[in-house]
Protein backbone atom coordinates (compact mmCIF):
# COMPACT_ATOMS: atom_id res chain seq x y z
CA MET A 1 -3.01 -19.70 4.66
CA CYS A 2 0.41 -19.21 3.13
CA LYS A 3 1.70 -22.40 4.69
CA GLU A 4 -1.34 -24.45 3.68
CA PHE A 5 -2.06 -23.13 0.19
CA PHE A 6 1.12 -21.43 -1.06
CA ASN A 7 3.92 -23.76 0.07
CA ASN A 8 4.77 -21.33 2.89
CA ASP A 9 5.57 -18.53 0.41
CA ARG A 10 5.24 -15.46 2.64
CA MET A 11 5.36 -13.14 -0.38
CA GLN A 12 1.76 -14.19 -1.01
CA TYR A 13 0.71 -11.76 1.74
CA MET A 14 1.33 -9.08 -0.88
CA THR A 15 -1.20 -10.85 -3.10
CA PHE A 16 -3.77 -10.71 -0.29
CA GLY A 17 -3.30 -6.94 -0.09
CA LYS A 18 -3.69 -6.56 -3.85
CA VAL A 19 -6.91 -8.57 -3.85
CA GLY A 20 -8.26 -6.47 -0.98
CA ALA A 21 -7.57 -3.25 -2.86
CA GLN A 22 -9.05 -4.67 -6.06
CA TYR A 23 -12.32 -5.30 -4.26
CA ALA A 24 -12.48 -2.20 -2.05
CA LEU A 25 -11.54 0.33 -4.74
CA SER A 26 -13.43 -1.24 -7.66
CA PRO A 27 -16.48 0.50 -9.17
CA GLU A 28 -18.66 -1.77 -7.02
CA GLY A 29 -16.47 -1.51 -3.90
CA PRO A 30 -17.16 0.48 -0.73
CA TYR A 31 -14.29 2.94 -1.34
CA LYS A 32 -14.78 3.54 -5.06
CA SER A 33 -15.02 7.30 -4.46
CA TYR A 34 -11.30 7.36 -3.65
CA MET A 35 -10.62 6.57 -7.29
CA LEU A 36 -12.41 9.66 -8.65
CA THR A 37 -9.39 11.97 -8.59
CA LYS A 38 -7.54 12.28 -11.91
CA ASP A 39 -4.29 13.90 -10.70
CA ILE A 40 -1.48 11.52 -9.69
CA LYS A 41 0.04 13.94 -7.16
CA GLN A 42 -3.34 14.41 -5.44
CA PHE A 43 -3.95 10.66 -5.50
CA VAL A 44 -0.58 9.98 -3.86
CA GLU A 45 -0.51 12.82 -1.35
CA VAL A 46 -4.21 13.00 -0.39
CA VAL A 47 -5.95 9.75 -1.28
CA LEU A 48 -3.31 7.22 -0.18
CA PRO A 49 -3.18 8.61 3.40
CA LYS A 50 -7.01 8.55 3.47
CA LEU A 51 -6.90 4.85 2.62
CA TRP A 52 -4.79 4.27 5.73
CA SER A 53 -7.12 6.23 8.02
CA THR A 54 -10.13 4.44 6.53
CA TYR A 55 -8.84 1.14 7.89
CA PHE A 56 -6.75 2.06 10.95
CA ASP A 57 -7.22 4.31 13.96
CA GLY A 58 -3.58 4.43 15.00
CA GLY A 59 -0.45 5.43 13.23
CA ARG A 60 0.19 8.14 10.70
CA THR A 61 0.84 7.87 7.00
CA THR A 62 2.75 10.45 5.01
CA THR A 63 3.15 10.25 1.27
CA LYS A 64 5.05 12.22 -1.30
CA LEU A 65 5.41 12.01 -5.06
CA GLU A 66 8.93 12.93 -6.05
CA ASN A 67 9.91 12.62 -9.69
CA ASN A 68 8.58 9.18 -10.56
CA VAL A 69 8.77 7.70 -7.06
CA VAL A 70 6.04 7.48 -4.43
CA HIS A 71 7.42 7.66 -0.89
CA LEU A 72 5.06 6.18 1.70
CA LYS A 73 5.94 6.24 5.41
CA ILE A 74 3.91 4.84 8.28
CA THR A 75 4.82 5.86 11.84
CA GLY A 76 3.34 5.37 15.27
CA ILE A 77 2.20 1.77 15.00
CA GLU A 78 3.17 -1.16 17.16
CA ILE A 79 2.30 -3.98 14.77
CA LYS A 80 5.56 -5.80 14.13
CA ASN A 81 4.52 -8.45 11.66
CA TYR A 82 6.09 -9.18 8.32
CA TYR A 83 2.74 -10.30 6.91
CA PHE A 84 1.09 -6.99 7.86
CA GLU A 85 3.76 -5.00 6.03
CA GLN A 86 3.56 -7.20 2.92
CA LEU A 87 -0.22 -6.89 2.94
CA LEU A 88 0.05 -3.09 3.08
CA MET A 89 2.64 -2.98 0.32
CA GLY A 90 0.40 -5.06 -1.93
CA TYR A 91 -2.67 -2.95 -1.14
CA PHE A 92 -0.97 0.36 -1.95
CA GLN A 93 0.70 -1.05 -5.07
CA GLN A 94 -2.65 -2.28 -6.36
CA ALA A 95 -4.26 1.08 -5.59
CA LEU A 96 -1.62 2.77 -7.76
CA LYS A 97 -2.21 0.22 -10.52
CA MET A 98 -5.96 0.82 -10.43
CA PHE A 99 -5.23 4.53 -10.75
CA GLY A 100 -3.34 3.65 -13.92
CA LYS A 101 0.25 3.51 -12.70
CA LYS A 102 2.20 0.28 -12.60
CA SER A 103 4.99 0.32 -10.05
CA VAL A 104 7.91 -1.56 -8.62
CA ALA A 105 7.57 -1.76 -4.83
CA LYS A 106 10.58 -1.60 -2.54
CA ARG A 107 10.65 -1.87 1.24
CA ILE A 108 13.22 0.61 2.59
CA ARG A 109 12.51 0.33 6.32
CA SER A 110 10.46 -2.13 8.30
CA ILE A 111 9.13 -2.27 11.86
CA SER A 112 9.24 -6.06 11.70
CA SER A 113 12.99 -5.76 10.99
CA GLY A 114 13.54 -3.46 13.96
CA ASP A 115 13.18 -0.02 12.36
CA ASP A 116 11.04 2.71 13.96
CA ASP A 117 8.76 3.10 10.94
CA ILE A 118 7.64 1.52 7.71
CA TYR A 119 8.93 3.13 4.55
CA PHE A 120 7.97 1.92 1.09
CA GLN A 121 8.95 3.32 -2.27
CA PHE A 122 6.96 2.66 -5.41
CA GLU A 123 8.79 3.49 -8.63
CA LEU A 124 6.13 4.37 -11.16
CA LYS A 125 6.38 2.80 -14.59
CA ASP A 126 4.67 3.69 -17.85
CA SER A 127 1.28 2.02 -17.92
């Protein structure tokens, strides 16, 4: 799709993840109940890992809110695709936005780049 419709811009995989989250977590979406919590720490440290286990059987997600940065690590998966990681980054960034927190996403480690895990940071901004 990226090659055909987006001039081979692979960053658009992030857009696909954002659109998926927008649908799934919306008031009409199948996972709307995940958006009921009102505490950002609980959302990051409890809800975000539940989102992972809702979709995937393998791997483990750990999350931590530290100061104004969300640390999200995914271990134990064998999928080594850049598009998969971009899709995940977009999904989690959109979930934070729907909670009310805009963020700047940064990929720290990447399985597709040869690391043993995926590690994203999301710096939270004033909404």
